[in-house]
């Protein structure tokens, strides 16, 4: 066996491990962020941040529009929360991860008149 073949056989497993390590770390970080979003209290955050403009948890118009039964698609709601609307609504893409914004969209979609809203499951 040549020296090169020997080195390749000896080093190849370590090289593969080193190549996979960053991907494993990113996967772990994504899972950690997703787990954090599960513990995200959407109702409390909505009450403390969004309800200033979207009255009664978004079930009534305030300074901003009523969100309950919005004709906007989920993607439109997501993009509006993430990117805002110049002169009308702040962007929250820096404050909330994508998973958290999707949880807010899910919360908005679950709103019903005369029913106390709950955190999405």
N, C-alpha and C. Protein backbone atom coordinates (compact mmCIF):
# COMPACT_ATOMS: atom_id res chain seq x y z
N UNK A 1 0.85 -1.17 0.00
CA UNK A 1 0.00 0.00 0.00
C UNK A 1 0.90 1.23 0.00
N UNK A 2 0.58 2.18 -0.88
CA UNK A 2 1.40 3.37 -0.96
C UNK A 2 1.10 4.29 0.22
N UNK A 3 1.98 5.20 0.48
CA UNK A 3 1.84 6.15 1.57
C UNK A 3 0.60 7.00 1.36
N UNK A 4 0.35 7.39 0.13
CA UNK A 4 -0.83 8.23 -0.16
C UNK A 4 -2.11 7.46 0.14
N UNK A 5 -2.19 6.22 -0.30
CA UNK A 5 -3.38 5.42 -0.01
C UNK A 5 -3.56 5.22 1.49
N UNK A 6 -2.47 4.97 2.18
CA UNK A 6 -2.53 4.80 3.63
C UNK A 6 -3.05 6.07 4.30
N UNK A 7 -2.52 7.23 3.91
CA UNK A 7 -2.96 8.51 4.50
C UNK A 7 -4.42 8.77 4.18
N UNK A 8 -4.84 8.48 2.94
CA UNK A 8 -6.25 8.69 2.58
C UNK A 8 -7.15 7.80 3.43
N UNK A 9 -6.77 6.55 3.61
CA UNK A 9 -7.58 5.64 4.43
C UNK A 9 -7.63 6.11 5.88
N UNK A 10 -6.54 6.60 6.37
CA UNK A 10 -6.47 7.03 7.77
C UNK A 10 -7.17 8.38 7.97
N UNK A 11 -7.03 9.27 7.01
CA UNK A 11 -7.57 10.62 7.18
C UNK A 11 -8.99 10.80 6.68
N UNK A 12 -9.43 9.94 5.78
CA UNK A 12 -10.75 10.11 5.19
C UNK A 12 -11.87 10.15 6.22
N UNK A 13 -11.92 9.24 7.19
CA UNK A 13 -13.00 9.32 8.18
C UNK A 13 -12.97 10.64 8.96
N UNK A 14 -11.78 11.12 9.27
CA UNK A 14 -11.69 12.39 10.00
C UNK A 14 -12.14 13.54 9.13
N UNK A 15 -11.80 13.53 7.85
CA UNK A 15 -12.22 14.59 6.94
C UNK A 15 -13.74 14.61 6.78
N UNK A 16 -14.33 13.43 6.66
CA UNK A 16 -15.79 13.34 6.56
C UNK A 16 -16.44 13.89 7.82
N UNK A 17 -15.92 13.52 8.98
CA UNK A 17 -16.44 14.02 10.25
C UNK A 17 -16.34 15.53 10.34
N UNK A 18 -15.20 16.07 9.94
CA UNK A 18 -15.03 17.52 9.97
C UNK A 18 -15.97 18.22 8.99
N UNK A 19 -16.25 17.59 7.87
CA UNK A 19 -17.16 18.19 6.89
C UNK A 19 -18.60 18.19 7.41
N UNK A 20 -18.97 17.16 8.16
CA UNK A 20 -20.34 17.05 8.67
C UNK A 20 -20.57 17.86 9.93
N UNK A 21 -19.54 18.19 10.64
CA UNK A 21 -19.68 18.90 11.91
C UNK A 21 -20.43 20.23 11.79
N UNK A 22 -20.10 21.11 10.83
CA UNK A 22 -20.86 22.36 10.74
C UNK A 22 -22.34 22.13 10.45
N UNK A 23 -22.66 21.15 9.61
CA UNK A 23 -24.07 20.87 9.30
C UNK A 23 -24.79 20.39 10.55
N UNK A 24 -24.15 19.56 11.34
CA UNK A 24 -24.76 19.08 12.58
C UNK A 24 -24.98 20.23 13.55
N UNK A 25 -24.03 21.15 13.61
CA UNK A 25 -24.17 22.31 14.49
C UNK A 25 -25.32 23.19 14.05
N UNK A 26 -25.44 23.42 12.74
CA UNK A 26 -26.54 24.24 12.23
C UNK A 26 -27.88 23.58 12.49
N UNK A 27 -27.95 22.27 12.32
CA UNK A 27 -29.19 21.55 12.59
C UNK A 27 -29.56 21.67 14.06
N UNK A 28 -28.60 21.53 14.94
CA UNK A 28 -28.86 21.66 16.38
C UNK A 28 -29.33 23.07 16.71
N UNK A 29 -28.71 24.07 16.09
CA UNK A 29 -29.12 25.45 16.34
C UNK A 29 -30.53 25.70 15.84
N UNK A 30 -30.88 25.15 14.67
CA UNK A 30 -32.23 25.32 14.13
C UNK A 30 -33.25 24.64 15.03
N UNK A 31 -32.93 23.45 15.53
CA UNK A 31 -33.84 22.75 16.43
C UNK A 31 -34.01 23.53 17.72
N UNK A 32 -32.94 24.11 18.22
CA UNK A 32 -33.00 24.90 19.45
C UNK A 32 -33.89 26.13 19.24
N UNK A 33 -33.74 26.81 18.10
CA UNK A 33 -34.56 27.98 17.80
C UNK A 33 -36.03 27.57 17.67
N UNK A 34 -36.29 26.43 17.00
CA UNK A 34 -37.66 25.95 16.83
C UNK A 34 -38.25 25.61 18.19
N UNK A 35 -37.49 25.00 19.06
CA UNK A 35 -37.98 24.68 20.41
C UNK A 35 -38.29 25.96 21.18
N UNK A 36 -37.46 26.98 21.00
CA UNK A 36 -37.69 28.26 21.67
C UNK A 36 -38.99 28.87 21.18
N UNK A 37 -39.26 28.75 19.87
CA UNK A 37 -40.50 29.31 19.30
C UNK A 37 -41.71 28.59 19.87
N UNK A 38 -41.58 27.30 20.20
CA UNK A 38 -42.70 26.57 20.81
C UNK A 38 -43.06 27.17 22.16
N UNK A 39 -42.08 27.66 22.90
CA UNK A 39 -42.33 28.25 24.21
C UNK A 39 -42.69 29.73 24.12
N UNK A 40 -42.77 30.27 22.93
CA UNK A 40 -43.05 31.67 22.68
C UNK A 40 -44.52 31.95 23.05
N UNK A 41 -44.74 32.88 23.96
CA UNK A 41 -46.09 33.24 24.39
C UNK A 41 -46.64 34.28 23.42
N UNK A 42 -47.29 33.79 22.37
CA UNK A 42 -47.79 34.67 21.32
C UNK A 42 -48.84 35.63 21.89
N UNK A 43 -49.73 35.10 22.69
CA UNK A 43 -50.82 35.93 23.22
C UNK A 43 -50.27 37.10 24.03
N UNK A 44 -49.32 36.85 24.91
CA UNK A 44 -48.74 37.91 25.73
C UNK A 44 -47.98 38.92 24.86
N UNK A 45 -47.22 38.43 23.89
CA UNK A 45 -46.49 39.33 23.01
C UNK A 45 -47.45 40.16 22.16
N UNK A 46 -48.50 39.54 21.68
CA UNK A 46 -49.49 40.28 20.89
C UNK A 46 -50.13 41.37 21.76
N UNK A 47 -50.52 40.99 22.96
CA UNK A 47 -51.15 41.95 23.88
C UNK A 47 -50.22 43.12 24.18
N UNK A 48 -48.93 42.85 24.39
CA UNK A 48 -47.98 43.89 24.79
C UNK A 48 -47.42 44.71 23.64
N UNK A 49 -47.44 44.17 22.44
CA UNK A 49 -46.82 44.86 21.31
C UNK A 49 -47.85 45.23 20.23
N UNK A 50 -48.59 44.27 19.76
CA UNK A 50 -49.46 44.47 18.60
C UNK A 50 -50.79 45.14 18.96
N UNK A 51 -51.28 44.89 20.16
CA UNK A 51 -52.61 45.38 20.55
C UNK A 51 -52.68 46.90 20.64
N UNK A 52 -51.53 47.56 20.65
CA UNK A 52 -51.55 49.02 20.64
C UNK A 52 -52.26 49.52 19.39
N UNK A 53 -52.08 48.83 18.27
CA UNK A 53 -52.73 49.21 17.01
C UNK A 53 -53.87 48.29 16.61
N UNK A 54 -53.78 47.03 16.99
CA UNK A 54 -54.79 46.04 16.61
C UNK A 54 -55.58 45.66 17.86
N UNK A 55 -56.69 46.35 18.07
CA UNK A 55 -57.47 46.26 19.30
C UNK A 55 -58.04 44.85 19.54
N UNK A 56 -58.23 44.54 20.82
CA UNK A 56 -58.88 43.30 21.23
C UNK A 56 -58.23 42.08 20.57
N UNK A 57 -56.91 42.02 20.67
CA UNK A 57 -56.12 40.93 20.08
C UNK A 57 -56.26 40.83 18.57
N UNK A 58 -56.53 41.96 17.92
CA UNK A 58 -56.66 41.96 16.46
C UNK A 58 -58.07 41.65 15.98
N UNK A 59 -58.99 41.52 16.93
CA UNK A 59 -60.36 41.22 16.53
C UNK A 59 -61.15 42.48 16.17
N UNK A 60 -60.57 43.65 16.46
CA UNK A 60 -61.23 44.92 16.13
C UNK A 60 -60.21 45.86 15.50
N UNK A 61 -60.72 46.76 14.69
CA UNK A 61 -59.88 47.78 14.09
C UNK A 61 -59.47 48.79 15.17
N UNK A 62 -58.25 49.23 15.10
CA UNK A 62 -57.75 50.28 15.99
C UNK A 62 -56.99 51.26 15.11
N UNK A 63 -55.78 51.60 15.51
CA UNK A 63 -54.92 52.41 14.63
C UNK A 63 -54.53 51.60 13.40
N UNK A 64 -54.52 50.28 13.59
CA UNK A 64 -54.27 49.35 12.49
C UNK A 64 -55.54 48.58 12.18
N UNK A 65 -55.54 47.81 11.11
CA UNK A 65 -56.75 47.09 10.71
C UNK A 65 -57.08 45.91 11.62
N UNK A 66 -58.34 45.49 11.54
CA UNK A 66 -58.76 44.25 12.19
C UNK A 66 -58.01 43.12 11.49
N UNK A 67 -57.50 42.17 12.26
CA UNK A 67 -56.76 41.05 11.69
C UNK A 67 -57.59 39.78 11.61
N UNK A 68 -58.56 39.65 12.50
CA UNK A 68 -59.42 38.48 12.48
C UNK A 68 -60.13 38.42 11.13
N UNK A 69 -60.14 37.26 10.52
CA UNK A 69 -60.78 37.03 9.21
C UNK A 69 -60.16 37.89 8.10
N UNK A 70 -58.89 38.19 8.21
CA UNK A 70 -58.20 38.98 7.20
C UNK A 70 -58.23 38.28 5.85
N UNK A 71 -58.42 39.06 4.80
CA UNK A 71 -58.41 38.52 3.44
C UNK A 71 -56.98 38.26 2.96
N UNK A 72 -55.99 38.76 3.69
CA UNK A 72 -54.59 38.54 3.31
C UNK A 72 -54.24 37.06 3.46
N UNK A 73 -53.34 36.59 2.60
CA UNK A 73 -52.86 35.21 2.72
C UNK A 73 -51.93 35.11 3.92
N UNK A 74 -51.64 33.90 4.33
CA UNK A 74 -50.68 33.70 5.42
C UNK A 74 -49.33 34.31 5.07
N UNK A 75 -48.91 34.15 3.82
CA UNK A 75 -47.63 34.69 3.38
C UNK A 75 -47.64 36.21 3.43
N UNK A 76 -48.76 36.83 3.06
CA UNK A 76 -48.85 38.29 3.12
C UNK A 76 -48.78 38.77 4.58
N UNK A 77 -49.48 38.08 5.47
CA UNK A 77 -49.41 38.44 6.89
C UNK A 77 -47.98 38.29 7.41
N UNK A 78 -47.36 37.16 7.08
CA UNK A 78 -45.98 36.90 7.49
C UNK A 78 -45.06 38.03 7.02
N UNK A 79 -45.15 38.37 5.73
CA UNK A 79 -44.28 39.41 5.18
C UNK A 79 -44.56 40.77 5.79
N UNK A 80 -45.81 41.08 6.09
CA UNK A 80 -46.13 42.37 6.70
C UNK A 80 -45.54 42.44 8.11
N UNK A 81 -45.66 41.36 8.87
CA UNK A 81 -45.10 41.34 10.23
C UNK A 81 -43.58 41.44 10.16
N UNK A 82 -42.99 40.68 9.27
CA UNK A 82 -41.53 40.65 9.17
C UNK A 82 -40.95 41.96 8.65
N UNK A 83 -41.55 42.51 7.60
CA UNK A 83 -40.97 43.66 6.91
C UNK A 83 -41.67 44.98 7.20
N UNK A 84 -42.85 44.92 7.81
CA UNK A 84 -43.60 46.14 8.11
C UNK A 84 -44.15 46.79 6.86
N UNK A 85 -44.62 48.02 7.04
CA UNK A 85 -45.14 48.83 5.93
C UNK A 85 -44.71 50.27 6.21
N UNK A 86 -43.83 50.80 5.38
CA UNK A 86 -43.30 52.15 5.64
C UNK A 86 -44.40 53.17 5.94
N UNK A 87 -44.22 53.87 7.04
CA UNK A 87 -45.16 54.90 7.44
C UNK A 87 -46.40 54.39 8.14
N UNK A 88 -46.57 53.07 8.20
CA UNK A 88 -47.79 52.51 8.78
C UNK A 88 -47.53 51.48 9.88
N UNK A 89 -46.56 50.60 9.64
CA UNK A 89 -46.31 49.52 10.59
C UNK A 89 -44.82 49.23 10.66
N UNK A 90 -44.33 49.07 11.88
CA UNK A 90 -42.92 48.72 12.09
C UNK A 90 -42.66 47.30 11.60
N UNK A 91 -41.42 47.02 11.26
CA UNK A 91 -41.03 45.65 10.90
C UNK A 91 -40.55 44.94 12.15
N UNK A 92 -40.90 43.67 12.27
CA UNK A 92 -40.53 42.89 13.44
C UNK A 92 -39.63 41.71 13.10
N UNK A 93 -39.06 41.72 11.88
CA UNK A 93 -38.18 40.64 11.46
C UNK A 93 -36.91 40.53 12.27
N UNK A 94 -36.48 41.62 12.88
CA UNK A 94 -35.28 41.58 13.73
C UNK A 94 -35.66 41.09 15.13
N UNK A 95 -36.84 41.45 15.58
CA UNK A 95 -37.27 41.09 16.94
C UNK A 95 -37.72 39.63 17.05
N UNK A 96 -38.31 39.12 15.97
CA UNK A 96 -38.88 37.77 16.00
C UNK A 96 -38.28 36.91 14.90
N UNK A 97 -37.98 35.66 15.23
CA UNK A 97 -37.51 34.71 14.22
C UNK A 97 -38.67 34.36 13.29
N UNK A 98 -38.35 33.73 12.17
CA UNK A 98 -39.40 33.30 11.25
C UNK A 98 -40.40 32.36 11.93
N UNK A 99 -39.91 31.44 12.76
CA UNK A 99 -40.81 30.53 13.48
C UNK A 99 -41.78 31.29 14.37
N UNK A 100 -41.28 32.32 15.02
CA UNK A 100 -42.15 33.12 15.89
C UNK A 100 -43.17 33.91 15.08
N UNK A 101 -42.75 34.42 13.94
CA UNK A 101 -43.69 35.15 13.09
C UNK A 101 -44.78 34.21 12.58
N UNK A 102 -44.40 33.00 12.21
CA UNK A 102 -45.41 32.02 11.78
C UNK A 102 -46.36 31.70 12.93
N UNK A 103 -45.86 31.67 14.15
CA UNK A 103 -46.73 31.44 15.31
C UNK A 103 -47.72 32.59 15.48
N UNK A 104 -47.27 33.82 15.20
CA UNK A 104 -48.16 34.98 15.27
C UNK A 104 -49.24 34.87 14.19
N UNK A 105 -48.86 34.46 12.98
CA UNK A 105 -49.83 34.27 11.90
C UNK A 105 -50.86 33.21 12.30
N UNK A 106 -50.38 32.13 12.88
CA UNK A 106 -51.29 31.07 13.33
C UNK A 106 -52.24 31.60 14.40
N UNK A 107 -51.73 32.43 15.31
CA UNK A 107 -52.56 33.05 16.35
C UNK A 107 -53.64 33.92 15.71
N UNK A 108 -53.26 34.74 14.73
CA UNK A 108 -54.21 35.62 14.05
C UNK A 108 -55.30 34.79 13.37
N UNK A 109 -54.91 33.71 12.74
CA UNK A 109 -55.87 32.84 12.04
C UNK A 109 -56.83 32.14 13.00
N UNK A 110 -56.42 31.99 14.25
CA UNK A 110 -57.28 31.30 15.22
C UNK A 110 -58.28 32.23 15.91
N UNK A 111 -58.20 33.53 15.66
CA UNK A 111 -59.07 34.49 16.35
C UNK A 111 -60.53 34.27 15.99
N UNK A 112 -61.37 34.30 17.01
CA UNK A 112 -62.81 34.14 16.86
C UNK A 112 -63.50 35.24 17.67
N UNK A 113 -64.64 35.74 17.20
CA UNK A 113 -65.34 36.75 17.99
C UNK A 113 -65.84 36.16 19.30
N UNK A 114 -65.76 36.93 20.35
CA UNK A 114 -66.29 36.55 21.67
C UNK A 114 -65.68 35.29 22.26
N UNK A 115 -64.50 34.89 21.79
CA UNK A 115 -63.79 33.73 22.34
C UNK A 115 -62.40 34.22 22.76
N UNK A 116 -62.03 34.01 24.01
CA UNK A 116 -60.72 34.44 24.49
C UNK A 116 -59.63 33.72 23.68
N UNK A 117 -58.76 34.48 23.04
CA UNK A 117 -57.72 33.82 22.23
C UNK A 117 -56.74 33.03 23.07
N UNK A 118 -56.18 31.99 22.46
CA UNK A 118 -55.21 31.14 23.14
C UNK A 118 -53.95 31.04 22.28
N UNK A 119 -52.85 30.69 22.92
CA UNK A 119 -51.62 30.46 22.17
C UNK A 119 -51.82 29.28 21.23
N UNK A 120 -51.29 29.38 20.00
CA UNK A 120 -51.42 28.25 19.08
C UNK A 120 -50.64 27.04 19.59
N UNK A 121 -51.15 25.88 19.27
CA UNK A 121 -50.46 24.64 19.71
C UNK A 121 -49.66 24.05 18.59
